[in-house]
C-alpha atoms as a PDB file:
ATOM      1  CA  UNK A   1     266.097 267.347  58.239  1.00  0.00           C
ATOM      2  CA  UNK A   2     269.561 267.794  59.610  1.00  0.00           C
ATOM      3  CA  UNK A   3     272.029 270.861  58.581  1.00  0.00           C
ATOM      4  CA  UNK A   4     273.303 269.345  55.973  1.00  0.00           C
ATOM      5  CA  UNK A   5     270.922 268.380  54.261  1.00  0.00           C
ATOM      6  CA  UNK A   6     268.984 271.105  54.646  1.00  0.00           C
ATOM      7  CA  UNK A   7     271.844 273.413  53.265  1.00  0.00           C
ATOM      8  CA  UNK A   8     272.394 270.888  50.393  1.00  0.00           C
ATOM      9  CA  UNK A   9     268.599 271.458  49.139  1.00  0.00           C
ATOM     10  CA  UNK A  10     269.007 275.815  49.799  1.00  0.00           C
ATOM     11  CA  UNK A  11     272.421 275.360  47.918  1.00  0.00           C
ATOM     12  CA  UNK A  12     270.218 273.533  44.728  1.00  0.00           C
ATOM     13  CA  UNK A  13     267.320 275.919  44.911  1.00  0.00           C
ATOM     14  CA  UNK A  14     269.873 278.371  44.533  1.00  0.00           C
ATOM     15  CA  UNK A  15     272.180 277.103  42.007  1.00  0.00           C
ATOM     16  CA  UNK A  16     268.930 276.325  40.481  1.00  0.00           C
ATOM     17  CA  UNK A  17     267.222 279.416  40.380  1.00  0.00           C
ATOM     18  CA  UNK A  18     270.891 280.980  38.871  1.00  0.00           C
ATOM     19  CA  UNK A  19     270.253 278.160  36.107  1.00  0.00           C
ATOM     20  CA  UNK A  20     266.659 279.138  34.715  1.00  0.00           C
ATOM     21  CA  UNK A  21     267.851 283.629  35.629  1.00  0.00           C
ATOM     22  CA  UNK A  22     270.962 282.421  32.783  1.00  0.00           C
ATOM     23  CA  UNK A  23     268.302 280.807  30.272  1.00  0.00           C
ATOM     24  CA  UNK A  24     265.744 283.443  30.497  1.00  0.00           C
ATOM     25  CA  UNK A  25     268.568 285.559  30.019  1.00  0.00           C
ATOM     26  CA  UNK A  26     269.637 283.966  26.760  1.00  0.00           C
ATOM     27  CA  UNK A  27     265.578 283.500  25.579  1.00  0.00           C
ATOM     28  CA  UNK A  28     265.261 287.188  26.194  1.00  0.00           C
ATOM     29  CA  UNK A  29     268.736 287.703  23.526  1.00  0.00           C
ATOM     30  CA  UNK A  30     268.151 286.132  21.349  1.00  0.00           C
ATOM     31  CA  UNK A  31     264.240 286.901  20.717  1.00  0.00           C
ATOM     32  CA  UNK A  32     265.390 290.188  20.411  1.00  0.00           C
ATOM     33  CA  UNK A  33     267.783 289.236  18.211  1.00  0.00           C
ATOM     34  CA  UNK A  34     265.214 287.718  16.009  1.00  0.00           C
ATOM     35  CA  UNK A  35     262.497 291.160  16.401  1.00  0.00           C
ATOM     36  CA  UNK A  36     259.623 289.525  18.402  1.00  0.00           C
ATOM     37  CA  UNK A  37     259.614 292.127  21.305  1.00  0.00           C
ATOM     38  CA  UNK A  38     255.986 290.762  21.927  1.00  0.00           C
ATOM     39  CA  UNK A  39     257.822 286.937  23.448  1.00  0.00           C
ATOM     40  CA  UNK A  40     260.694 289.641  24.633  1.00  0.00           C
ATOM     41  CA  UNK A  41     257.417 291.256  26.936  1.00  0.00           C
ATOM     42  CA  UNK A  42     256.652 287.814  27.999  1.00  0.00           C
ATOM     43  CA  UNK A  43     260.269 287.297  29.073  1.00  0.00           C
ATOM     44  CA  UNK A  44     260.668 290.571  30.328  1.00  0.00           C
ATOM     45  CA  UNK A  45     257.534 289.646  32.851  1.00  0.00           C
ATOM     46  CA  UNK A  46     258.438 286.023  33.679  1.00  0.00           C
ATOM     47  CA  UNK A  47     262.140 287.390  34.970  1.00  0.00           C
ATOM     48  CA  UNK A  48     260.667 290.115  37.185  1.00  0.00           C
ATOM     49  CA  UNK A  49     258.892 286.969  38.533  1.00  0.00           C
ATOM     50  CA  UNK A  50     261.075 285.168  39.798  1.00  0.00           C
ATOM     51  CA  UNK A  51     262.911 287.921  41.496  1.00  0.00           C
END
């Protein structure tokens, strides 16, 4: 794989991870607002897994 393609893949992966984290943070906030502590715990565990 040439250098440009490898860099593009790395950049896309970083953007994808950032989008996953942003969406997950939003889901946690919505669960908190609804008072769903079980879902908050599940989503926080998922957030730890992604880190």
